[in-house]
Amino acid sequence: MKASFFSFVAAATLFATTAASAAPFDHDRDLRRLSPRERARYEQAQRDRARFEQTQRERERQQALERARWEAQHRHDRGPARPYGR
């Protein structure tokens, strides 16, 4: 009797906790649960972040081009007779 009671309690506990642990961690941020105002604010933040990252990538690309151009211009400043390190 005691064993069946404990097995029933264990089964009920597992059943109750499985549903809670099966939900994703950020289920409150599910886009289907957002109000239209919250959804618009979330999507605007996503667009702003994408725009910022795109601008940052473009800036890094431009800096790499300028650095390569500068290095190409100054590659032979010391002349071939005096290589670097000597």
PDB file of N, CA and C in Angstrom:
ATOM      1  N   MET A   1       0.824  -1.191   0.000  1.00  0.00           N
ATOM      2  CA  MET A   1       0.000   0.000   0.000  1.00  0.00           C
ATOM      3  C   MET A   1       0.868   1.255   0.000  1.00  0.00           C
ATOM      4  N   LYS A   2       1.876   1.239   0.860  1.00  0.00           N
ATOM      5  CA  LYS A   2       2.751   2.404   0.955  1.00  0.00           C
ATOM      6  C   LYS A   2       3.548   2.576  -0.336  1.00  0.00           C
ATOM      7  N   ALA A   3       3.992   1.481  -0.942  1.00  0.00           N
ATOM      8  CA  ALA A   3       4.782   1.549  -2.175  1.00  0.00           C
ATOM      9  C   ALA A   3       3.939   2.073  -3.329  1.00  0.00           C
ATOM     10  N   SER A   4       2.704   1.632  -3.416  1.00  0.00           N
ATOM     11  CA  SER A   4       1.853   2.115  -4.501  1.00  0.00           C
ATOM     12  C   SER A   4       1.526   3.599  -4.311  1.00  0.00           C
ATOM     13  N   PHE A   5       1.370   4.021  -3.062  1.00  0.00           N
ATOM     14  CA  PHE A   5       1.119   5.437  -2.794  1.00  0.00           C
ATOM     15  C   PHE A   5       2.321   6.281  -3.215  1.00  0.00           C
ATOM     16  N   PHE A   6       3.524   5.845  -2.840  1.00  0.00           N
ATOM     17  CA  PHE A   6       4.728   6.587  -3.218  1.00  0.00           C
ATOM     18  C   PHE A   6       4.951   6.581  -4.726  1.00  0.00           C
ATOM     19  N   SER A   7       4.637   5.466  -5.382  1.00  0.00           N
ATOM     20  CA  SER A   7       4.788   5.442  -6.839  1.00  0.00           C
ATOM     21  C   SER A   7       3.773   6.379  -7.495  1.00  0.00           C
ATOM     22  N   PHE A   8       2.571   6.457  -6.924  1.00  0.00           N
ATOM     23  CA  PHE A   8       1.574   7.387  -7.457  1.00  0.00           C
ATOM     24  C   PHE A   8       2.019   8.835  -7.259  1.00  0.00           C
ATOM     25  N   VAL A   9       2.571   9.161  -6.097  1.00  0.00           N
ATOM     26  CA  VAL A   9       3.069  10.508  -5.823  1.00  0.00           C
ATOM     27  C   VAL A   9       4.232  10.835  -6.758  1.00  0.00           C
ATOM     28  N   ALA A  10       5.124   9.880  -6.967  1.00  0.00           N
ATOM     29  CA  ALA A  10       6.256  10.105  -7.872  1.00  0.00           C
ATOM     30  C   ALA A  10       5.768  10.329  -9.297  1.00  0.00           C
ATOM     31  N   ALA A  11       4.793   9.543  -9.742  1.00  0.00           N
ATOM     32  CA  ALA A  11       4.257   9.710 -11.091  1.00  0.00           C
ATOM     33  C   ALA A  11       3.570  11.065 -11.236  1.00  0.00           C
ATOM     34  N   ALA A  12       2.816  11.471 -10.233  1.00  0.00           N
ATOM     35  CA  ALA A  12       2.139  12.769 -10.294  1.00  0.00           C
ATOM     36  C   ALA A  12       3.150  13.911 -10.299  1.00  0.00           C
ATOM     37  N   THR A  13       4.202  13.773  -9.498  1.00  0.00           N
ATOM     38  CA  THR A  13       5.234  14.813  -9.464  1.00  0.00           C
ATOM     39  C   THR A  13       5.938  14.918 -10.805  1.00  0.00           C
ATOM     40  N   LEU A  14       6.310  13.782 -11.369  1.00  0.00           N
ATOM     41  CA  LEU A  14       6.966  13.798 -12.681  1.00  0.00           C
ATOM     42  C   LEU A  14       6.047  14.379 -13.749  1.00  0.00           C
ATOM     43  N   PHE A  15       4.772  14.026 -13.695  1.00  0.00           N
ATOM     44  CA  PHE A  15       3.825  14.552 -14.676  1.00  0.00           C
ATOM     45  C   PHE A  15       3.693  16.066 -14.549  1.00  0.00           C
ATOM     46  N   ALA A  16       3.654  16.568 -13.325  1.00  0.00           N
ATOM     47  CA  ALA A  16       3.489  18.009 -13.108  1.00  0.00           C
ATOM     48  C   ALA A  16       4.741  18.787 -13.489  1.00  0.00           C
ATOM     49  N   THR A  17       5.916  18.237 -13.215  1.00  0.00           N
ATOM     50  CA  THR A  17       7.149  18.975 -13.495  1.00  0.00           C
ATOM     51  C   THR A  17       7.587  18.852 -14.939  1.00  0.00           C
ATOM     52  N   THR A  18       7.161  17.810 -15.634  1.00  0.00           N
ATOM     53  CA  THR A  18       7.577  17.644 -17.025  1.00  0.00           C
ATOM     54  C   THR A  18       7.006  18.753 -17.900  1.00  0.00           C
ATOM     55  N   ALA A  19       5.762  19.124 -17.683  1.00  0.00           N
ATOM     56  CA  ALA A  19       5.148  20.171 -18.497  1.00  0.00           C
ATOM     57  C   ALA A  19       5.854  21.505 -18.286  1.00  0.00           C
ATOM     58  N   ALA A  20       6.234  21.796 -17.048  1.00  0.00           N
ATOM     59  CA  ALA A  20       6.906  23.067 -16.772  1.00  0.00           C
ATOM     60  C   ALA A  20       8.314  23.084 -17.344  1.00  0.00           C
ATOM     61  N   SER A  21       9.000  21.964 -17.273  1.00  0.00           N
ATOM     62  CA  SER A  21      10.375  21.945 -17.776  1.00  0.00           C
ATOM     63  C   SER A  21      10.427  21.779 -19.284  1.00  0.00           C
ATOM     64  N   ALA A  22       9.341  21.337 -19.896  1.00  0.00           N
ATOM     65  CA  ALA A  22       9.341  21.165 -21.344  1.00  0.00           C
ATOM     66  C   ALA A  22       9.143  22.491 -22.074  1.00  0.00           C
ATOM     67  N   ALA A  23       8.619  23.485 -21.384  1.00  0.00           N
ATOM     68  CA  ALA A  23       8.427  24.791 -22.011  1.00  0.00           C
ATOM     69  C   ALA A  23       9.779  25.449 -22.234  1.00  0.00           C
ATOM     70  N   PRO A  24       9.942  26.162 -23.343  1.00  0.00           N
ATOM     71  CA  PRO A  24      11.213  26.855 -23.565  1.00  0.00           C
ATOM     72  C   PRO A  24      11.458  27.904 -22.487  1.00  0.00           C
ATOM     73  N   PHE A  25      12.706  28.235 -22.289  1.00  0.00           N
ATOM     74  CA  PHE A  25      13.082  29.149 -21.213  1.00  0.00           C
ATOM     75  C   PHE A  25      12.441  30.516 -21.395  1.00  0.00           C
ATOM     76  N   ASP A  26      12.405  31.006 -22.623  1.00  0.00           N
ATOM     77  CA  ASP A  26      11.875  32.346 -22.879  1.00  0.00           C
ATOM     78  C   ASP A  26      10.497  32.279 -23.534  1.00  0.00           C
ATOM     79  N   HIS A  27       9.634  31.405 -23.010  1.00  0.00           N
ATOM     80  CA  HIS A  27       8.319  31.255 -23.623  1.00  0.00           C
ATOM     81  C   HIS A  27       7.483  32.518 -23.506  1.00  0.00           C
ATOM     82  N   ASP A  28       7.807  33.394 -22.566  1.00  0.00           N
ATOM     83  CA  ASP A  28       7.059  34.636 -22.457  1.00  0.00           C
ATOM     84  C   ASP A  28       7.419  35.601 -23.580  1.00  0.00           C
ATOM     85  N   ARG A  29       8.517  35.366 -24.286  1.00  0.00           N
ATOM     86  CA  ARG A  29       8.922  36.220 -25.401  1.00  0.00           C
ATOM     87  C   ARG A  29       8.498  35.629 -26.748  1.00  0.00           C
ATOM     88  N   ASP A  30       7.617  34.653 -26.712  1.00  0.00           N
ATOM     89  CA  ASP A  30       7.126  34.053 -27.943  1.00  0.00           C
ATOM     90  C   ASP A  30       6.367  35.117 -28.734  1.00  0.00           C
ATOM     91  N   LEU A  31       6.687  35.240 -30.015  1.00  0.00           N
ATOM     92  CA  LEU A  31       6.065  36.292 -30.826  1.00  0.00           C
ATOM     93  C   LEU A  31       4.555  36.118 -30.941  1.00  0.00           C
ATOM     94  N   ARG A  32       4.073  34.897 -30.780  1.00  0.00           N
ATOM     95  CA  ARG A  32       2.628  34.685 -30.865  1.00  0.00           C
ATOM     96  C   ARG A  32       1.905  35.242 -29.649  1.00  0.00           C
ATOM     97  N   ARG A  33       2.635  35.482 -28.550  1.00  0.00           N
ATOM     98  CA  ARG A  33       2.015  35.968 -27.322  1.00  0.00           C
ATOM     99  C   ARG A  33       2.121  37.483 -27.170  1.00  0.00           C
ATOM    100  N   LEU A  34       2.818  38.161 -28.054  1.00  0.00           N
ATOM    101  CA  LEU A  34       3.025  39.600 -27.915  1.00  0.00           C
ATOM    102  C   LEU A  34       1.816  40.376 -28.424  1.00  0.00           C
ATOM    103  N   SER A  35       1.567  41.500 -27.797  1.00  0.00           N
ATOM    104  CA  SER A  35       0.530  42.389 -28.293  1.00  0.00           C
ATOM    105  C   SER A  35       1.070  43.088 -29.544  1.00  0.00           C
ATOM    106  N   PRO A  36       0.213  43.669 -30.349  1.00  0.00           N
ATOM    107  CA  PRO A  36       0.709  44.348 -31.558  1.00  0.00           C
ATOM    108  C   PRO A  36       1.734  45.437 -31.258  1.00  0.00           C
ATOM    109  N   ARG A  37       1.547  46.177 -30.170  1.00  0.00           N
ATOM    110  CA  ARG A  37       2.505  47.231 -29.815  1.00  0.00           C
ATOM    111  C   ARG A  37       3.856  46.624 -29.424  1.00  0.00           C
ATOM    112  N   GLU A  38       3.815  45.566 -28.613  1.00  0.00           N
ATOM    113  CA  GLU A  38       5.069  44.909 -28.221  1.00  0.00           C
ATOM    114  C   GLU A  38       5.760  44.289 -29.425  1.00  0.00           C
ATOM    115  N   ARG A  39       4.968  43.689 -30.324  1.00  0.00           N
ATOM    116  CA  ARG A  39       5.546  43.081 -31.524  1.00  0.00           C
ATOM    117  C   ARG A  39       6.215  44.140 -32.397  1.00  0.00           C
ATOM    118  N   ALA A  40       5.573  45.287 -32.555  1.00  0.00           N
ATOM    119  CA  ALA A  40       6.156  46.361 -33.362  1.00  0.00           C
ATOM    120  C   ALA A  40       7.455  46.858 -32.739  1.00  0.00           C
ATOM    121  N   ARG A  41       7.475  46.996 -31.417  1.00  0.00           N
ATOM    122  CA  ARG A  41       8.691  47.439 -30.744  1.00  0.00           C
ATOM    123  C   ARG A  41       9.803  46.396 -30.880  1.00  0.00           C
ATOM    124  N   TYR A  42       9.463  45.121 -30.758  1.00  0.00           N
ATOM    125  CA  TYR A  42      10.444  44.044 -30.903  1.00  0.00           C
ATOM    126  C   TYR A  42      11.015  44.012 -32.318  1.00  0.00           C
ATOM    127  N   GLU A  43      10.138  44.108 -33.321  1.00  0.00           N
ATOM    128  CA  GLU A  43      10.607  44.076 -34.707  1.00  0.00           C
ATOM    129  C   GLU A  43      11.445  45.307 -35.038  1.00  0.00           C
ATOM    130  N   GLN A  44      11.100  46.464 -34.483  1.00  0.00           N
ATOM    131  CA  GLN A  44      11.907  47.664 -34.693  1.00  0.00           C
ATOM    132  C   GLN A  44      13.289  47.488 -34.078  1.00  0.00           C
ATOM    133  N   ALA A  45      13.357  46.880 -32.906  1.00  0.00           N
ATOM    134  CA  ALA A  45      14.658  46.625 -32.275  1.00  0.00           C
ATOM    135  C   ALA A  45      15.480  45.663 -33.123  1.00  0.00           C
ATOM    136  N   GLN A  46      14.828  44.669 -33.722  1.00  0.00           N
ATOM    137  CA  GLN A  46      15.543  43.733 -34.592  1.00  0.00           C
ATOM    138  C   GLN A  46      16.090  44.461 -35.820  1.00  0.00           C
ATOM    139  N   ARG A  47      15.282  45.348 -36.403  1.00  0.00           N
ATOM    140  CA  ARG A  47      15.745  46.101 -37.576  1.00  0.00           C
ATOM    141  C   ARG A  47      16.891  47.029 -37.206  1.00  0.00           C
ATOM    142  N   ASP A  48      16.777  47.682 -36.039  1.00  0.00           N
ATOM    143  CA  ASP A  48      17.855  48.576 -35.598  1.00  0.00           C
ATOM    144  C   ASP A  48      19.148  47.807 -35.380  1.00  0.00           C
ATOM    145  N   ARG A  49      19.062  46.639 -34.762  1.00  0.00           N
ATOM    146  CA  ARG A  49      20.259  45.840 -34.522  1.00  0.00           C
ATOM    147  C   ARG A  49      20.858  45.362 -35.846  1.00  0.00           C
ATOM    148  N   ALA A  50      20.015  44.943 -36.783  1.00  0.00           N
ATOM    149  CA  ALA A  50      20.521  44.509 -38.083  1.00  0.00           C
ATOM    150  C   ALA A  50      21.189  45.667 -38.817  1.00  0.00           C
ATOM    151  N   ARG A  51      20.591  46.865 -38.737  1.00  0.00           N
ATOM    152  CA  ARG A  51      21.183  48.033 -39.382  1.00  0.00           C
ATOM    153  C   ARG A  51      22.526  48.382 -38.745  1.00  0.00           C
ATOM    154  N   PHE A  52      22.609  48.316 -37.416  1.00  0.00           N
ATOM    155  CA  PHE A  52      23.860  48.601 -36.715  1.00  0.00           C
ATOM    156  C   PHE A  52      24.945  47.604 -37.113  1.00  0.00           C
ATOM    157  N   GLU A  53      24.595  46.325 -37.151  1.00  0.00           N
ATOM    158  CA  GLU A  53      25.586  45.306 -37.515  1.00  0.00           C
ATOM    159  C   GLU A  53      26.030  45.466 -38.963  1.00  0.00           C
ATOM    160  N   GLN A  54      25.108  45.808 -39.856  1.00  0.00           N
ATOM    161  CA  GLN A  54      25.473  46.027 -41.252  1.00  0.00           C
ATOM    162  C   GLN A  54      26.411  47.222 -41.376  1.00  0.00           C
ATOM    163  N   THR A  55      26.118  48.297 -40.655  1.00  0.00           N
ATOM    164  CA  THR A  55      26.992  49.475 -40.675  1.00  0.00           C
ATOM    165  C   THR A  55      28.366  49.139 -40.125  1.00  0.00           C
ATOM    166  N   GLN A  56      28.396  48.360 -39.068  1.00  0.00           N
ATOM    167  CA  GLN A  56      29.682  47.978 -38.483  1.00  0.00           C
ATOM    168  C   GLN A  56      30.494  47.113 -39.450  1.00  0.00           C
ATOM    169  N   ARG A  57      29.838  46.160 -40.115  1.00  0.00           N
ATOM    170  CA  ARG A  57      30.550  45.325 -41.105  1.00  0.00           C
ATOM    171  C   ARG A  57      31.073  46.170 -42.254  1.00  0.00           C
ATOM    172  N   GLU A  58      30.271  47.127 -42.709  1.00  0.00           N
ATOM    173  CA  GLU A  58      30.706  47.997 -43.803  1.00  0.00           C
ATOM    174  C   GLU A  58      31.894  48.855 -43.366  1.00  0.00           C
ATOM    175  N   ARG A  59      31.849  49.366 -42.139  1.00  0.00           N
ATOM    176  CA  ARG A  59      32.964  50.165 -41.620  1.00  0.00           C
ATOM    177  C   ARG A  59      34.240  49.323 -41.523  1.00  0.00           C
ATOM    178  N   GLU A  60      34.125  48.098 -41.037  1.00  0.00           N
ATOM    179  CA  GLU A  60      35.294  47.218 -40.950  1.00  0.00           C
ATOM    180  C   GLU A  60      35.842  46.888 -42.337  1.00  0.00           C
ATOM    181  N   ARG A  61      34.944  46.670 -43.307  1.00  0.00           N
ATOM    182  CA  ARG A  61      35.391  46.387 -44.670  1.00  0.00           C
ATOM    183  C   ARG A  61      36.128  47.586 -45.251  1.00  0.00           C
ATOM    184  N   GLN A  62      35.589  48.784 -45.008  1.00  0.00           N
ATOM    185  CA  GLN A  62      36.220  50.002 -45.517  1.00  0.00           C
ATOM    186  C   GLN A  62      37.578  50.214 -44.863  1.00  0.00           C
ATOM    187  N   GLN A  63      37.685  49.973 -43.571  1.00  0.00           N
ATOM    188  CA  GLN A  63      38.970  50.119 -42.889  1.00  0.00           C
ATOM    189  C   GLN A  63      39.990  49.121 -43.418  1.00  0.00           C
ATOM    190  N   ALA A  64      39.556  47.904 -43.708  1.00  0.00           N
ATOM    191  CA  ALA A  64      40.476  46.910 -44.260  1.00  0.00           C
ATOM    192  C   ALA A  64      40.970  47.339 -45.638  1.00  0.00           C
ATOM    193  N   LEU A  65      40.076  47.908 -46.449  1.00  0.00           N
ATOM    194  CA  LEU A  65      40.494  48.394 -47.768  1.00  0.00           C
ATOM    195  C   LEU A  65      41.490  49.543 -47.641  1.00  0.00           C
ATOM    196  N   GLU A  66      41.198  50.479 -46.737  1.00  0.00           N
ATOM    197  CA  GLU A  66      42.113  51.611 -46.549  1.00  0.00           C
ATOM    198  C   GLU A  66      43.460  51.151 -45.998  1.00  0.00           C
ATOM    199  N   ARG A  67      43.456  50.183 -45.088  1.00  0.00           N
ATOM    200  CA  ARG A  67      44.706  49.663 -44.545  1.00  0.00           C
ATOM    201  C   ARG A  67      45.521  48.968 -45.638  1.00  0.00           C
ATOM    202  N   ALA A  68      44.856  48.193 -46.489  1.00  0.00           N
ATOM    203  CA  ALA A  68      45.560  47.520 -47.582  1.00  0.00           C
ATOM    204  C   ALA A  68      46.125  48.538 -48.568  1.00  0.00           C
ATOM    205  N   ARG A  69      45.359  49.583 -48.856  1.00  0.00           N
ATOM    206  CA  ARG A  69      45.847  50.615 -49.766  1.00  0.00           C
ATOM    207  C   ARG A  69      47.055  51.325 -49.166  1.00  0.00           C
ATOM    208  N   TRP A  70      46.985  51.672 -47.882  1.00  0.00           N
ATOM    209  CA  TRP A  70      48.097  52.355 -47.223  1.00  0.00           C
ATOM    210  C   TRP A  70      49.339  51.466 -47.208  1.00  0.00           C
ATOM    211  N   GLU A  71      49.173  50.179 -46.893  1.00  0.00           N
ATOM    212  CA  GLU A  71      50.319  49.272 -46.869  1.00  0.00           C
ATOM    213  C   GLU A  71      50.918  49.108 -48.256  1.00  0.00           C
ATOM    214  N   ALA A  72      50.068  49.078 -49.282  1.00  0.00           N
ATOM    215  CA  ALA A  72      50.590  48.961 -50.645  1.00  0.00           C
ATOM    216  C   ALA A  72      51.373  50.210 -51.032  1.00  0.00           C
ATOM    217  N   GLN A  73      50.910  51.379 -50.611  1.00  0.00           N
ATOM    218  CA  GLN A  73      51.623  52.612 -50.933  1.00  0.00           C
ATOM    219  C   GLN A  73      52.953  52.703 -50.197  1.00  0.00           C
ATOM    220  N   HIS A  74      53.020  52.200 -48.987  1.00  0.00           N
ATOM    221  CA  HIS A  74      54.211  52.356 -48.156  1.00  0.00           C
ATOM    222  C   HIS A  74      55.080  51.101 -48.106  1.00  0.00           C
ATOM    223  N   ARG A  75      54.780  50.144 -48.943  1.00  0.00           N
ATOM    224  CA  ARG A  75      55.507  48.885 -48.902  1.00  0.00           C
ATOM    225  C   ARG A  75      56.986  49.076 -49.202  1.00  0.00           C
ATOM    226  N   HIS A  76      57.313  49.952 -50.129  1.00  0.00           N
ATOM    227  CA  HIS A  76      58.704  50.124 -50.558  1.00  0.00           C
ATOM    228  C   HIS A  76      59.277  51.470 -50.113  1.00  0.00           C
ATOM    229  N   ASP A  77      58.785  52.017 -49.007  1.00  0.00           N
ATOM    230  CA  ASP A  77      59.285  53.306 -48.535  1.00  0.00           C
ATOM    231  C   ASP A  77      60.761  53.249 -48.163  1.00  0.00           C
ATOM    232  N   ARG A  78      61.181  52.156 -47.568  1.00  0.00           N
ATOM    233  CA  ARG A  78      62.578  52.059 -47.142  1.00  0.00           C
ATOM    234  C   ARG A  78      63.472  51.587 -48.280  1.00  0.00           C
ATOM    235  N   GLY A  79      62.904  51.180 -49.359  1.00  0.00           N
ATOM    236  CA  GLY A  79      63.693  50.757 -50.518  1.00  0.00           C
ATOM    237  C   GLY A  79      64.121  49.303 -50.417  1.00  0.00           C
ATOM    238  N   PRO A  80      64.383  48.687 -51.547  1.00  0.00           N
ATOM    239  CA  PRO A  80      64.764  47.270 -51.535  1.00  0.00           C
ATOM    240  C   PRO A  80      66.170  47.043 -50.988  1.00  0.00           C
ATOM    241  N   ALA A  81      67.033  48.072 -50.947  1.00  0.00           N
ATOM    242  CA  ALA A  81      68.402  47.891 -50.465  1.00  0.00           C
ATOM    243  C   ALA A  81      68.436  47.727 -48.953  1.00  0.00           C
ATOM    244  N   ARG A  82      67.446  48.254 -48.253  1.00  0.00           N
ATOM    245  CA  ARG A  82      67.421  48.152 -46.784  1.00  0.00           C
ATOM    246  C   ARG A  82      66.112  47.496 -46.348  1.00  0.00           C
ATOM    247  N   PRO A  83      66.046  46.213 -46.410  1.00  0.00           N
ATOM    248  CA  PRO A  83      64.803  45.552 -45.992  1.00  0.00           C
ATOM    249  C   PRO A  83      64.588  45.703 -44.492  1.00  0.00           C
ATOM    250  N   TYR A  84      63.381  45.503 -44.072  1.00  0.00           N
ATOM    251  CA  TYR A  84      63.042  45.642 -42.653  1.00  0.00           C
ATOM    252  C   TYR A  84      63.815  44.624 -41.833  1.00  0.00           C
ATOM    253  N   GLY A  85      64.210  45.006 -40.637  1.00  0.00           N
ATOM    254  CA  GLY A  85      64.887  44.099 -39.729  1.00  0.00           C
ATOM    255  C   GLY A  85      66.391  44.080 -39.878  1.00  0.00           C
ATOM    256  N   ARG A  86      66.974  44.844 -40.777  1.00  0.00           N
ATOM    257  CA  ARG A  86      68.438  44.840 -40.947  1.00  0.00           C
ATOM    258  C   ARG A  86      68.977  46.231 -40.833  1.00  0.00           C
TER     259      ARG A  86
END
